[in-house]
Amino acid sequence: MKQKTAPISTFQKYLSLWVLLCMAVGILVGKFLPAAPEFLGKMEIARISIPIAVLIWVMIYPMMLKVDFQSVKQVGKNPKGLFVTWIVNWLVKPFTMYGIAYLFLFVVFKAFITPELATEYLAGAVLLGAAPCTAMVFVWSTLTKGNPAYTVVQVATNDIIILIAFVPIVKFLLGVSNVSVPYSTLFLSVFLFVVIPLAGGIFTRLGVVKSRGKEYFESTFVHKFDGITTVGLLLTLVLIFASQTEVILSNPLHILLIAVPLIIQTFFIFFLAFGVCKAIRLPFDIAAPAGMIGASNFFELAVAVAVALFGTTSPAALATTVGVLTEVPVMLTLVKIANRSERKFHE
C-alpha cells in the first residue's frame, strides 16, 4: 500500500519565519536568562552537547522509521548517487569553501577585517567546509521526499570518510601542522547522531510491522510523527543561539561579512551536485538529498572542533556559529527550489 502524504500545515508552510523567530528567542534567552544555556552547556560528553544530541534524535528518528532495509539492499544497484556525493563533498567542497572564503575575507572585505581576524574566520569556514552534513540532511531529505534508504547509505559512507579525511584536509588547507582534532568528538558524533536514531528506527519498524502489519505501519503509525522533526529543528536552534548569544551580539557587522561567502558556497555546491545528478539522470529522490548533503554542513562537529582548537569566544568559533545562522534559512530556500523543480527534473 502506498504511503499517504501528510498535508502541509500552516506551521510547515511558514517554517522559514518560525526559524527566524526561534533564532531571536535563543538570543533573547542567552541575553536575559544566561543561566539556562550555561546549565545546559555543562551537559556534554567529549564536547558534544547532550541536549542538542537529544533534539537531533527527535529530528532524525521519524526519518529513520521510514528506512526499509529491503530497499537498502538495492542501493548498490545504482551507485552513481554515492559517487556524486563523495566527489562533491571531498574533492570539491573543502577547496571551494577555502577559495570563496579567502577571496571575501582577505580581498573583498579587506577594509573591514584585519588579517589576523580573517585568518581565524577562514579557519572556521574551512572546518565547516571539511564537515559535510550528517544529521540535518535527514531533515532536508524528508522535506524533499528523498529516498530514506539511499539517504542513510549516503550519510553512513560520508561519516566513514569524515573519520579519515577531515584532519588531513583541515591541516592542508590551513597549513596548521599541530591541529589536534578530538577524535572522541568525531566518533561520538557519528554514534549519537546516526547510530542511535537509526537503531531506534529499525527496532521500532520491526516491532510495529510484526505486531500490527506493514500496512498499518506505513498508512498510520509513521504519520503519528509528522511535524516532530520540525519541532526538534526549532528547539535545536533556540538552544544553539542561546549558547552563542554573547559572541553574536558583540560582532554584528562581522557576522554579515562572514555570512556572504558561506551563503555563496552553499548555493554553489547544491547546484553543482544537483546539476550533476540531473545530467546523469538520477531520480529526483536521490538527487535532492545528494545536493543537500554537500550544501549543508555538519555544524555540530564544526562548532565542537572550533571550540576545542580555538576557544568558545574565538573568531573561528564565531564563524562556525554563523554557519548555523545561515544554514537553516538557506537550506529551506534550497528545499523549495528543489521541490519546485521536481516535475521538470528530467525534461
C-alpha atoms as a PDB file:
ATOM      1  CA  MET A   1       0.000   0.000   0.000  1.00  0.00           C
ATOM      2  CA  LYS A   2       1.329   3.389  -0.916  1.00  0.00           C
ATOM      3  CA  GLN A   3       2.011   5.711   1.984  1.00  0.00           C
ATOM      4  CA  LYS A   4      -0.325   8.634   2.171  1.00  0.00           C
ATOM      5  CA  THR A   5       1.296  12.041   2.174  1.00  0.00           C
ATOM      6  CA  ALA A   6       0.534  14.301   5.098  1.00  0.00           C
ATOM      7  CA  PRO A   7      -0.811  17.699   4.039  1.00  0.00           C
ATOM      8  CA  ILE A   8       1.411  20.723   4.534  1.00  0.00           C
ATOM      9  CA  SER A   9       0.281  22.560   7.637  1.00  0.00           C
ATOM     10  CA  THR A  10       0.305  26.320   8.096  1.00  0.00           C
ATOM     11  CA  PHE A  11       3.149  25.756  10.551  1.00  0.00           C
ATOM     12  CA  GLN A  12       5.277  23.989   7.900  1.00  0.00           C
ATOM     13  CA  LYS A  13       4.300  26.484   5.188  1.00  0.00           C
ATOM     14  CA  TYR A  14       5.840  29.348   7.170  1.00  0.00           C
ATOM     15  CA  LEU A  15       8.769  27.343   8.516  1.00  0.00           C
ATOM     16  CA  SER A  16      11.322  29.998   7.482  1.00  0.00           C
ATOM     17  CA  LEU A  17       9.525  32.558   9.656  1.00  0.00           C
ATOM     18  CA  TRP A  18       9.474  30.161  12.605  1.00  0.00           C
ATOM     19  CA  VAL A  19      13.196  29.541  12.136  1.00  0.00           C
ATOM     20  CA  LEU A  20      13.977  33.263  12.356  1.00  0.00           C
ATOM     21  CA  LEU A  21      11.726  33.623  15.408  1.00  0.00           C
ATOM     22  CA  CYS A  22      13.480  30.736  17.162  1.00  0.00           C
ATOM     23  CA  MET A  23      16.870  32.287  16.451  1.00  0.00           C
ATOM     24  CA  ALA A  24      15.610  35.522  18.016  1.00  0.00           C
ATOM     25  CA  VAL A  25      14.183  33.662  21.019  1.00  0.00           C
ATOM     26  CA  GLY A  26      17.508  31.875  21.501  1.00  0.00           C
ATOM     27  CA  ILE A  27      19.409  35.178  21.539  1.00  0.00           C
ATOM     28  CA  LEU A  28      16.895  36.711  23.972  1.00  0.00           C
ATOM     29  CA  VAL A  29      17.222  33.711  26.299  1.00  0.00           C
ATOM     30  CA  GLY A  30      21.017  33.940  26.153  1.00  0.00           C
ATOM     31  CA  LYS A  31      20.877  37.671  26.858  1.00  0.00           C
ATOM     32  CA  PHE A  32      18.332  37.797  29.685  1.00  0.00           C
ATOM     33  CA  LEU A  33      18.445  34.243  31.079  1.00  0.00           C
ATOM     34  CA  PRO A  34      22.132  33.307  30.650  1.00  0.00           C
ATOM     35  CA  ALA A  35      21.970  30.756  33.465  1.00  0.00           C
ATOM     36  CA  ALA A  36      19.795  28.471  31.309  1.00  0.00           C
ATOM     37  CA  PRO A  37      22.279  27.908  28.434  1.00  0.00           C
ATOM     38  CA  GLU A  38      25.153  27.809  30.938  1.00  0.00           C
ATOM     39  CA  PHE A  39      23.455  24.955  32.798  1.00  0.00           C
ATOM     40  CA  LEU A  40      22.645  23.043  29.603  1.00  0.00           C
ATOM     41  CA  GLY A  41      26.161  23.698  28.288  1.00  0.00           C
ATOM     42  CA  LYS A  42      27.614  21.689  31.164  1.00  0.00           C
ATOM     43  CA  MET A  43      25.741  18.603  29.983  1.00  0.00           C
ATOM     44  CA  GLU A  44      28.224  17.272  27.436  1.00  0.00           C
ATOM     45  CA  ILE A  45      30.428  14.316  26.580  1.00  0.00           C
ATOM     46  CA  ALA A  46      33.647  14.874  24.611  1.00  0.00           C
ATOM     47  CA  ARG A  47      32.408  18.419  23.878  1.00  0.00           C
ATOM     48  CA  ILE A  48      29.165  17.079  22.373  1.00  0.00           C
ATOM     49  CA  SER A  49      26.081  18.719  23.867  1.00  0.00           C
ATOM     50  CA  ILE A  50      23.735  16.045  25.219  1.00  0.00           C
ATOM     51  CA  PRO A  51      20.624  18.302  24.976  1.00  0.00           C
ATOM     52  CA  ILE A  52      21.403  19.007  21.310  1.00  0.00           C
ATOM     53  CA  ALA A  53      22.013  15.308  20.718  1.00  0.00           C
ATOM     54  CA  VAL A  54      18.564  14.509  22.157  1.00  0.00           C
ATOM     55  CA  LEU A  55      16.924  17.135  19.943  1.00  0.00           C
ATOM     56  CA  ILE A  56      18.728  15.747  16.905  1.00  0.00           C
ATOM     57  CA  TRP A  57      17.339  12.317  17.787  1.00  0.00           C
ATOM     58  CA  VAL A  58      13.897  13.921  17.765  1.00  0.00           C
ATOM     59  CA  MET A  59      14.625  15.286  14.288  1.00  0.00           C
ATOM     60  CA  ILE A  60      16.118  12.123  12.815  1.00  0.00           C
ATOM     61  CA  TYR A  61      14.038   9.351  14.408  1.00  0.00           C
ATOM     62  CA  PRO A  62      10.909   9.911  12.229  1.00  0.00           C
ATOM     63  CA  MET A  63      13.141   9.745   9.131  1.00  0.00           C
ATOM     64  CA  MET A  64      14.741   6.508  10.315  1.00  0.00           C
ATOM     65  CA  LEU A  65      11.320   4.939  10.771  1.00  0.00           C
ATOM     66  CA  LYS A  66      10.865   5.160   7.009  1.00  0.00           C
ATOM     67  CA  VAL A  67      14.029   3.200   6.228  1.00  0.00           C
ATOM     68  CA  ASP A  68      13.117  -0.192   4.790  1.00  0.00           C
ATOM     69  CA  PHE A  69      16.297  -2.242   4.800  1.00  0.00           C
ATOM     70  CA  GLN A  70      14.979  -4.338   1.975  1.00  0.00           C
ATOM     71  CA  SER A  71      15.397  -1.138  -0.040  1.00  0.00           C
ATOM     72  CA  VAL A  72      18.899  -0.521   1.328  1.00  0.00           C
ATOM     73  CA  LYS A  73      19.989  -3.734  -0.387  1.00  0.00           C
ATOM     74  CA  GLN A  74      19.074  -2.143  -3.724  1.00  0.00           C
ATOM     75  CA  VAL A  75      21.355   0.884  -3.281  1.00  0.00           C
ATOM     76  CA  GLY A  76      24.336  -0.967  -4.727  1.00  0.00           C
ATOM     77  CA  LYS A  77      22.466  -1.388  -7.998  1.00  0.00           C
ATOM     78  CA  ASN A  78      22.538   2.393  -8.526  1.00  0.00           C
ATOM     79  CA  PRO A  79      25.806   3.655  -7.006  1.00  0.00           C
ATOM     80  CA  LYS A  80      26.115   6.790  -9.151  1.00  0.00           C
ATOM     81  CA  GLY A  81      24.424   8.923  -6.492  1.00  0.00           C
ATOM     82  CA  LEU A  82      27.033   7.815  -3.978  1.00  0.00           C
ATOM     83  CA  PHE A  83      29.858   8.730  -6.349  1.00  0.00           C
ATOM     84  CA  VAL A  84      28.388  12.222  -6.823  1.00  0.00           C
ATOM     85  CA  THR A  85      28.130  12.656  -3.037  1.00  0.00           C
ATOM     86  CA  TRP A  86      31.694  11.522  -2.398  1.00  0.00           C
ATOM     87  CA  ILE A  87      33.301  13.555  -5.188  1.00  0.00           C
ATOM     88  CA  VAL A  88      31.463  16.806  -4.474  1.00  0.00           C
ATOM     89  CA  ASN A  89      31.842  16.539  -0.689  1.00  0.00           C
ATOM     90  CA  TRP A  90      35.522  15.656  -0.563  1.00  0.00           C
ATOM     91  CA  LEU A  91      37.226  16.633  -3.820  1.00  0.00           C
ATOM     92  CA  VAL A  92      35.345  19.877  -4.430  1.00  0.00           C
ATOM     93  CA  LYS A  93      33.592  21.369  -1.402  1.00  0.00           C
ATOM     94  CA  PRO A  94      36.502  21.892   1.074  1.00  0.00           C
ATOM     95  CA  PHE A  95      38.584  23.607  -1.600  1.00  0.00           C
ATOM     96  CA  THR A  96      35.853  25.849  -2.976  1.00  0.00           C
ATOM     97  CA  MET A  97      34.981  26.816   0.619  1.00  0.00           C
ATOM     98  CA  TYR A  98      38.601  27.814   1.196  1.00  0.00           C
ATOM     99  CA  GLY A  99      38.800  29.723  -2.089  1.00  0.00           C
ATOM    100  CA  ILE A 100      35.496  31.600  -1.730  1.00  0.00           C
ATOM    101  CA  ALA A 101      36.078  32.413   1.963  1.00  0.00           C
ATOM    102  CA  TYR A 102      39.643  33.583   1.280  1.00  0.00           C
ATOM    103  CA  LEU A 103      38.500  35.813  -1.578  1.00  0.00           C
ATOM    104  CA  PHE A 104      35.906  37.609   0.527  1.00  0.00           C
ATOM    105  CA  LEU A 105      37.702  37.721   3.886  1.00  0.00           C
ATOM    106  CA  PHE A 106      41.128  38.761   2.595  1.00  0.00           C
ATOM    107  CA  VAL A 107      40.256  40.686  -0.579  1.00  0.00           C
ATOM    108  CA  VAL A 108      36.661  41.887  -0.885  1.00  0.00           C
ATOM    109  CA  PHE A 109      36.241  42.743   2.818  1.00  0.00           C
ATOM    110  CA  LYS A 110      39.872  43.695   3.433  1.00  0.00           C
ATOM    111  CA  ALA A 111      38.918  47.177   4.660  1.00  0.00           C
ATOM    112  CA  PHE A 112      36.628  45.764   7.369  1.00  0.00           C
ATOM    113  CA  ILE A 113      38.557  42.765   8.695  1.00  0.00           C
ATOM    114  CA  THR A 114      42.143  42.640   9.950  1.00  0.00           C
ATOM    115  CA  PRO A 115      44.386  39.861   8.550  1.00  0.00           C
ATOM    116  CA  GLU A 116      44.530  38.228  11.991  1.00  0.00           C
ATOM    117  CA  LEU A 117      40.740  38.059  12.267  1.00  0.00           C
ATOM    118  CA  ALA A 118      40.394  36.973   8.641  1.00  0.00           C
ATOM    119  CA  THR A 119      42.751  34.062   9.322  1.00  0.00           C
ATOM    120  CA  GLU A 120      40.623  32.766  12.196  1.00  0.00           C
ATOM    121  CA  TYR A 121      37.365  33.335  10.307  1.00  0.00           C
ATOM    122  CA  LEU A 122      38.881  31.359   7.442  1.00  0.00           C
ATOM    123  CA  ALA A 123      39.726  28.562   9.872  1.00  0.00           C
ATOM    124  CA  GLY A 124      36.092  28.380  10.959  1.00  0.00           C
ATOM    125  CA  ALA A 125      34.918  28.359   7.334  1.00  0.00           C
ATOM    126  CA  VAL A 126      37.319  25.536   6.499  1.00  0.00           C
ATOM    127  CA  LEU A 127      36.050  23.487   9.445  1.00  0.00           C
ATOM    128  CA  LEU A 128      32.531  23.867   8.024  1.00  0.00           C
ATOM    129  CA  GLY A 129      33.658  23.006   4.508  1.00  0.00           C
ATOM    130  CA  ALA A 130      35.505  19.886   5.631  1.00  0.00           C
ATOM    131  CA  ALA A 131      32.459  18.569   7.521  1.00  0.00           C
ATOM    132  CA  PRO A 132      29.575  17.842   5.122  1.00  0.00           C
ATOM    133  CA  CYS A 133      26.205  17.256   6.706  1.00  0.00           C
ATOM    134  CA  THR A 134      25.474  14.150   8.750  1.00  0.00           C
ATOM    135  CA  ALA A 135      22.466  14.826  10.965  1.00  0.00           C
ATOM    136  CA  MET A 136      20.453  17.671   9.462  1.00  0.00           C
ATOM    137  CA  VAL A 137      20.478  16.159   5.976  1.00  0.00           C
ATOM    138  CA  PHE A 138      17.776  13.753   7.155  1.00  0.00           C
ATOM    139  CA  VAL A 139      15.553  16.776   7.733  1.00  0.00           C
ATOM    140  CA  TRP A 140      16.251  18.189   4.266  1.00  0.00           C
ATOM    141  CA  SER A 141      15.797  14.760   2.699  1.00  0.00           C
ATOM    142  CA  THR A 142      12.414  14.402   4.366  1.00  0.00           C
ATOM    143  CA  LEU A 143      11.303  17.837   3.177  1.00  0.00           C
ATOM    144  CA  THR A 144      12.226  16.929  -0.423  1.00  0.00           C
ATOM    145  CA  LYS A 145      10.677  13.441  -0.163  1.00  0.00           C
ATOM    146  CA  GLY A 146      14.103  11.882  -0.566  1.00  0.00           C
ATOM    147  CA  ASN A 147      14.670   8.133  -0.682  1.00  0.00           C
ATOM    148  CA  PRO A 148      15.173   7.253   3.024  1.00  0.00           C
ATOM    149  CA  ALA A 149      17.239   4.119   2.419  1.00  0.00           C
ATOM    150  CA  TYR A 150      19.540   5.825  -0.083  1.00  0.00           C
ATOM    151  CA  THR A 151      19.955   8.855   2.177  1.00  0.00           C
ATOM    152  CA  VAL A 152      21.055   6.617   5.055  1.00  0.00           C
ATOM    153  CA  VAL A 153      23.738   4.986   2.887  1.00  0.00           C
ATOM    154  CA  GLN A 154      24.904   8.372   1.576  1.00  0.00           C
ATOM    155  CA  VAL A 155      25.248   9.653   5.137  1.00  0.00           C
ATOM    156  CA  ALA A 156      26.808   6.461   6.511  1.00  0.00           C
ATOM    157  CA  THR A 157      29.551   6.393   3.877  1.00  0.00           C
ATOM    158  CA  ASN A 158      30.083  10.110   4.374  1.00  0.00           C
ATOM    159  CA  ASP A 159      30.649   9.506   8.093  1.00  0.00           C
ATOM    160  CA  ILE A 160      33.336   6.933   7.349  1.00  0.00           C
ATOM    161  CA  ILE A 161      35.120   9.365   5.038  1.00  0.00           C
ATOM    162  CA  ILE A 162      34.917  12.123   7.688  1.00  0.00           C
ATOM    163  CA  LEU A 163      36.884   9.939  10.088  1.00  0.00           C
ATOM    164  CA  ILE A 164      39.639   9.504   7.510  1.00  0.00           C
ATOM    165  CA  ALA A 165      39.726  12.780   5.589  1.00  0.00           C
ATOM    166  CA  PHE A 166      38.672  15.552   7.985  1.00  0.00           C
ATOM    167  CA  VAL A 167      42.009  16.112   9.750  1.00  0.00           C
ATOM    168  CA  PRO A 168      44.277  15.909   6.656  1.00  0.00           C
ATOM    169  CA  ILE A 169      42.059  18.323   4.701  1.00  0.00           C
ATOM    170  CA  VAL A 170      41.918  20.869   7.547  1.00  0.00           C
ATOM    171  CA  LYS A 171      45.685  20.650   8.054  1.00  0.00           C
ATOM    172  CA  PHE A 172      46.375  21.034   4.348  1.00  0.00           C
ATOM    173  CA  LEU A 173      44.068  23.986   3.765  1.00  0.00           C
ATOM    174  CA  LEU A 174      45.080  25.936   6.848  1.00  0.00           C
ATOM    175  CA  GLY A 175      48.732  24.974   6.811  1.00  0.00           C
ATOM    176  CA  VAL A 176      48.490  24.143  10.502  1.00  0.00           C
ATOM    177  CA  SER A 177      50.961  21.445  11.494  1.00  0.00           C
ATOM    178  CA  ASN A 178      49.761  20.865  15.035  1.00  0.00           C
ATOM    179  CA  VAL A 179      45.979  20.766  14.738  1.00  0.00           C
ATOM    180  CA  SER A 180      44.752  18.452  17.460  1.00  0.00           C
ATOM    181  CA  VAL A 181      41.265  17.389  16.434  1.00  0.00           C
ATOM    182  CA  PRO A 182      39.477  15.454  19.204  1.00  0.00           C
ATOM    183  CA  TYR A 183      38.799  12.041  17.690  1.00  0.00           C
ATOM    184  CA  SER A 184      36.494  11.232  20.593  1.00  0.00           C
ATOM    185  CA  THR A 185      34.253  14.044  19.337  1.00  0.00           C
ATOM    186  CA  LEU A 186      34.264  12.630  15.813  1.00  0.00           C
ATOM    187  CA  PHE A 187      33.402   9.084  16.826  1.00  0.00           C
ATOM    188  CA  LEU A 188      30.848  10.115  19.421  1.00  0.00           C
ATOM    189  CA  SER A 189      29.145  12.472  16.963  1.00  0.00           C
ATOM    190  CA  VAL A 190      28.650   9.648  14.479  1.00  0.00           C
ATOM    191  CA  PHE A 191      27.400   7.326  17.217  1.00  0.00           C
ATOM    192  CA  LEU A 192      24.990   9.851  18.725  1.00  0.00           C
ATOM    193  CA  PHE A 193      23.680  11.471  15.553  1.00  0.00           C
ATOM    194  CA  VAL A 194      23.434   8.416  13.286  1.00  0.00           C
ATOM    195  CA  VAL A 195      23.811   5.050  15.024  1.00  0.00           C
ATOM    196  CA  ILE A 196      21.401   5.596  17.945  1.00  0.00           C
ATOM    197  CA  PRO A 197      18.457   7.073  15.983  1.00  0.00           C
ATOM    198  CA  LEU A 198      18.968   4.536  13.179  1.00  0.00           C
ATOM    199  CA  ALA A 199      18.870   1.641  15.649  1.00  0.00           C
ATOM    200  CA  GLY A 200      15.761   3.132  17.277  1.00  0.00           C
ATOM    201  CA  GLY A 201      14.033   3.431  13.913  1.00  0.00           C
ATOM    202  CA  ILE A 202      14.933  -0.107  12.864  1.00  0.00           C
ATOM    203  CA  PHE A 203      13.706  -1.757  16.072  1.00  0.00           C
ATOM    204  CA  THR A 204      10.522   0.314  16.104  1.00  0.00           C
ATOM    205  CA  ARG A 205       9.748  -0.576  12.493  1.00  0.00           C
ATOM    206  CA  LEU A 206      10.396  -4.273  13.040  1.00  0.00           C
ATOM    207  CA  GLY A 207       8.295  -4.340  16.214  1.00  0.00           C
ATOM    208  CA  VAL A 208       5.302  -2.476  14.786  1.00  0.00           C
ATOM    209  CA  VAL A 209       5.300  -4.398  11.492  1.00  0.00           C
ATOM    210  CA  LYS A 210       5.462  -7.677  13.378  1.00  0.00           C
ATOM    211  CA  SER A 211       2.621  -6.789  15.757  1.00  0.00           C
ATOM    212  CA  ARG A 212       0.301  -4.718  13.526  1.00  0.00           C
ATOM    213  CA  GLY A 213       1.435  -5.369   9.976  1.00  0.00           C
ATOM    214  CA  LYS A 214       3.214  -3.345   7.294  1.00  0.00           C
ATOM    215  CA  GLU A 215       0.026  -1.684   6.032  1.00  0.00           C
ATOM    216  CA  TYR A 216      -0.744  -0.213   9.458  1.00  0.00           C
ATOM    217  CA  PHE A 217       2.848   0.927   9.877  1.00  0.00           C
ATOM    218  CA  GLU A 218       3.009   2.749   6.518  1.00  0.00           C
ATOM    219  CA  SER A 219      -0.518   4.166   6.454  1.00  0.00           C
ATOM    220  CA  THR A 220      -0.963   5.115  10.115  1.00  0.00           C
ATOM    221  CA  PHE A 221       1.922   4.617  12.550  1.00  0.00           C
ATOM    222  CA  VAL A 222       4.642   6.514  10.689  1.00  0.00           C
ATOM    223  CA  HIS A 223       2.370   9.567  10.327  1.00  0.00           C
ATOM    224  CA  LYS A 224       1.990   9.874  14.092  1.00  0.00           C
ATOM    225  CA  PHE A 225       5.402  11.560  13.992  1.00  0.00           C
ATOM    226  CA  ASP A 226       4.628  14.111  11.277  1.00  0.00           C
ATOM    227  CA  GLY A 227       5.803  17.518  12.461  1.00  0.00           C
ATOM    228  CA  ILE A 228       8.071  16.220  15.230  1.00  0.00           C
ATOM    229  CA  THR A 229      11.161  16.685  13.043  1.00  0.00           C
ATOM    230  CA  THR A 230      10.292  20.362  12.587  1.00  0.00           C
ATOM    231  CA  VAL A 231       9.781  20.874  16.323  1.00  0.00           C
ATOM    232  CA  GLY A 232      13.166  19.280  17.024  1.00  0.00           C
ATOM    233  CA  LEU A 233      14.814  21.576  14.489  1.00  0.00           C
ATOM    234  CA  LEU A 234      13.318  24.727  16.011  1.00  0.00           C
ATOM    235  CA  LEU A 235      14.219  23.786  19.583  1.00  0.00           C
ATOM    236  CA  THR A 236      17.762  22.982  18.456  1.00  0.00           C
ATOM    237  CA  LEU A 237      18.085  26.479  17.001  1.00  0.00           C
ATOM    238  CA  VAL A 238      16.870  28.073  20.226  1.00  0.00           C
ATOM    239  CA  LEU A 239      19.475  26.130  22.203  1.00  0.00           C
ATOM    240  CA  ILE A 240      22.386  26.840  19.839  1.00  0.00           C
ATOM    241  CA  PHE A 241      21.714  30.560  19.623  1.00  0.00           C
ATOM    242  CA  ALA A 242      21.135  30.872  23.349  1.00  0.00           C
ATOM    243  CA  SER A 243      24.590  29.393  23.945  1.00  0.00           C
ATOM    244  CA  GLN A 244      26.279  31.701  21.403  1.00  0.00           C
ATOM    245  CA  THR A 245      24.444  34.951  22.242  1.00  0.00           C
ATOM    246  CA  GLU A 246      27.412  36.908  23.611  1.00  0.00           C
ATOM    247  CA  VAL A 247      29.611  36.127  20.620  1.00  0.00           C
ATOM    248  CA  ILE A 248      26.846  37.008  18.147  1.00  0.00           C
ATOM    249  CA  LEU A 249      25.862  40.317  19.761  1.00  0.00           C
ATOM    250  CA  SER A 250      29.442  41.534  20.067  1.00  0.00           C
ATOM    251  CA  ASN A 251      30.190  41.056  16.342  1.00  0.00           C
ATOM    252  CA  PRO A 252      27.077  42.092  14.344  1.00  0.00           C
ATOM    253  CA  LEU A 253      28.867  43.500  11.250  1.00  0.00           C
ATOM    254  CA  HIS A 254      31.355  40.658  11.047  1.00  0.00           C
ATOM    255  CA  ILE A 255      28.505  38.152  11.176  1.00  0.00           C
ATOM    256  CA  LEU A 256      27.138  39.658   7.971  1.00  0.00           C
ATOM    257  CA  LEU A 257      30.566  39.652   6.327  1.00  0.00           C
ATOM    258  CA  ILE A 258      31.221  36.017   7.248  1.00  0.00           C
ATOM    259  CA  ALA A 259      27.752  35.016   6.065  1.00  0.00           C
ATOM    260  CA  VAL A 260      28.304  36.221   2.489  1.00  0.00           C
ATOM    261  CA  PRO A 261      30.907  33.620   1.401  1.00  0.00           C
ATOM    262  CA  LEU A 262      29.149  30.857   3.349  1.00  0.00           C
ATOM    263  CA  ILE A 263      25.870  31.511   1.540  1.00  0.00           C
ATOM    264  CA  ILE A 264      27.545  31.687  -1.878  1.00  0.00           C
ATOM    265  CA  GLN A 265      29.336  28.402  -1.173  1.00  0.00           C
ATOM    266  CA  THR A 266      26.094  26.712  -0.107  1.00  0.00           C
ATOM    267  CA  PHE A 267      24.237  27.650  -3.290  1.00  0.00           C
ATOM    268  CA  PHE A 268      27.215  26.730  -5.489  1.00  0.00           C
ATOM    269  CA  ILE A 269      27.681  23.247  -4.026  1.00  0.00           C
ATOM    270  CA  PHE A 270      23.958  22.457  -4.106  1.00  0.00           C
ATOM    271  CA  PHE A 271      23.542  23.398  -7.759  1.00  0.00           C
ATOM    272  CA  LEU A 272      26.744  21.562  -8.676  1.00  0.00           C
ATOM    273  CA  ALA A 273      25.695  18.261  -7.072  1.00  0.00           C
ATOM    274  CA  PHE A 274      22.034  18.589  -8.052  1.00  0.00           C
ATOM    275  CA  GLY A 275      23.001  19.521 -11.619  1.00  0.00           C
ATOM    276  CA  VAL A 276      25.378  16.568 -11.990  1.00  0.00           C
ATOM    277  CA  CYS A 277      22.680  14.207 -10.708  1.00  0.00           C
ATOM    278  CA  LYS A 278      20.262  15.623 -13.253  1.00  0.00           C
ATOM    279  CA  ALA A 279      22.832  15.321 -16.047  1.00  0.00           C
ATOM    280  CA  ILE A 280      23.405  11.625 -15.326  1.00  0.00           C
ATOM    281  CA  ARG A 281      19.632  11.129 -14.980  1.00  0.00           C
ATOM    282  CA  LEU A 282      19.433  10.018 -11.365  1.00  0.00           C
ATOM    283  CA  PRO A 283      15.914  10.017  -9.884  1.00  0.00           C
ATOM    284  CA  PHE A 284      14.830  13.132  -8.003  1.00  0.00           C
ATOM    285  CA  ASP A 285      14.567  11.342  -4.632  1.00  0.00           C
ATOM    286  CA  ILE A 286      18.303  10.553  -4.851  1.00  0.00           C
ATOM    287  CA  ALA A 287      19.436  13.799  -6.488  1.00  0.00           C
ATOM    288  CA  ALA A 288      17.807  16.121  -3.935  1.00  0.00           C
ATOM    289  CA  PRO A 289      19.452  14.555  -0.843  1.00  0.00           C
ATOM    290  CA  ALA A 290      22.777  14.365  -2.732  1.00  0.00           C
ATOM    291  CA  GLY A 291      22.639  18.117  -3.278  1.00  0.00           C
ATOM    292  CA  MET A 292      21.585  18.741   0.322  1.00  0.00           C
ATOM    293  CA  ILE A 293      24.405  16.678   1.852  1.00  0.00           C
ATOM    294  CA  GLY A 294      27.068  18.702   0.069  1.00  0.00           C
ATOM    295  CA  ALA A 295      25.404  22.070   0.518  1.00  0.00           C
ATOM    296  CA  SER A 296      24.754  21.752   4.255  1.00  0.00           C
ATOM    297  CA  ASN A 297      27.369  21.284   6.962  1.00  0.00           C
ATOM    298  CA  PHE A 298      27.940  19.056   9.968  1.00  0.00           C
ATOM    299  CA  PHE A 299      27.815  22.214  12.094  1.00  0.00           C
ATOM    300  CA  GLU A 300      27.673  20.283  15.383  1.00  0.00           C
ATOM    301  CA  LEU A 301      31.123  18.881  14.619  1.00  0.00           C
ATOM    302  CA  ALA A 302      32.495  22.134  13.193  1.00  0.00           C
ATOM    303  CA  VAL A 303      31.431  24.133  16.254  1.00  0.00           C
ATOM    304  CA  ALA A 304      32.790  21.489  18.643  1.00  0.00           C
ATOM    305  CA  VAL A 305      36.185  21.349  16.912  1.00  0.00           C
ATOM    306  CA  ALA A 306      36.435  25.160  16.655  1.00  0.00           C
ATOM    307  CA  VAL A 307      35.785  25.453  20.393  1.00  0.00           C
ATOM    308  CA  ALA A 308      38.301  22.693  21.144  1.00  0.00           C
ATOM    309  CA  LEU A 309      41.017  24.266  18.970  1.00  0.00           C
ATOM    310  CA  PHE A 310      40.489  27.998  19.394  1.00  0.00           C
ATOM    311  CA  GLY A 311      38.170  28.543  22.383  1.00  0.00           C
ATOM    312  CA  THR A 312      34.482  29.300  22.894  1.00  0.00           C
ATOM    313  CA  THR A 313      34.716  33.045  22.218  1.00  0.00           C
ATOM    314  CA  SER A 314      37.239  32.791  19.378  1.00  0.00           C
ATOM    315  CA  PRO A 315      36.672  34.254  15.898  1.00  0.00           C
ATOM    316  CA  ALA A 316      36.863  30.715  14.478  1.00  0.00           C
ATOM    317  CA  ALA A 317      34.049  29.584  16.766  1.00  0.00           C
ATOM    318  CA  LEU A 318      32.055  32.640  15.695  1.00  0.00           C
ATOM    319  CA  ALA A 319      32.490  31.692  12.022  1.00  0.00           C
ATOM    320  CA  THR A 320      31.134  28.191  12.647  1.00  0.00           C
ATOM    321  CA  THR A 321      28.202  29.686  14.561  1.00  0.00           C
ATOM    322  CA  VAL A 322      27.449  31.928  11.583  1.00  0.00           C
ATOM    323  CA  GLY A 323      27.347  28.690   9.614  1.00  0.00           C
ATOM    324  CA  VAL A 324      24.412  27.636  11.797  1.00  0.00           C
ATOM    325  CA  LEU A 325      22.811  31.073  11.444  1.00  0.00           C
ATOM    326  CA  THR A 326      22.881  30.979   7.643  1.00  0.00           C
ATOM    327  CA  GLU A 327      22.399  27.273   7.042  1.00  0.00           C
ATOM    328  CA  VAL A 328      18.795  26.722   8.068  1.00  0.00           C
ATOM    329  CA  PRO A 329      17.171  29.616   6.157  1.00  0.00           C
ATOM    330  CA  VAL A 330      19.368  28.953   3.108  1.00  0.00           C
ATOM    331  CA  MET A 331      18.707  25.206   3.152  1.00  0.00           C
ATOM    332  CA  LEU A 332      14.965  25.805   3.451  1.00  0.00           C
ATOM    333  CA  THR A 333      15.268  28.008   0.357  1.00  0.00           C
ATOM    334  CA  LEU A 334      17.094  25.222  -1.485  1.00  0.00           C
ATOM    335  CA  VAL A 335      14.415  22.738  -0.394  1.00  0.00           C
ATOM    336  CA  LYS A 336      11.804  24.969  -2.035  1.00  0.00           C
ATOM    337  CA  ILE A 337      13.912  25.308  -5.192  1.00  0.00           C
ATOM    338  CA  ALA A 338      14.393  21.550  -5.395  1.00  0.00           C
ATOM    339  CA  ASN A 339      10.718  20.752  -4.823  1.00  0.00           C
ATOM    340  CA  ARG A 340       9.616  23.238  -7.478  1.00  0.00           C
ATOM    341  CA  SER A 341      11.957  21.615  -9.991  1.00  0.00           C
ATOM    342  CA  GLU A 342      10.734  18.057  -9.344  1.00  0.00           C
ATOM    343  CA  ARG A 343       8.172  17.867 -12.128  1.00  0.00           C
ATOM    344  CA  LYS A 344      10.609  19.228 -14.714  1.00  0.00           C
ATOM    345  CA  PHE A 345      13.643  17.420 -13.316  1.00  0.00           C
ATOM    346  CA  HIS A 346      14.179  15.192 -16.360  1.00  0.00           C
ATOM    347  CA  GLU A 347      12.610  17.290 -19.106  1.00  0.00           C
END
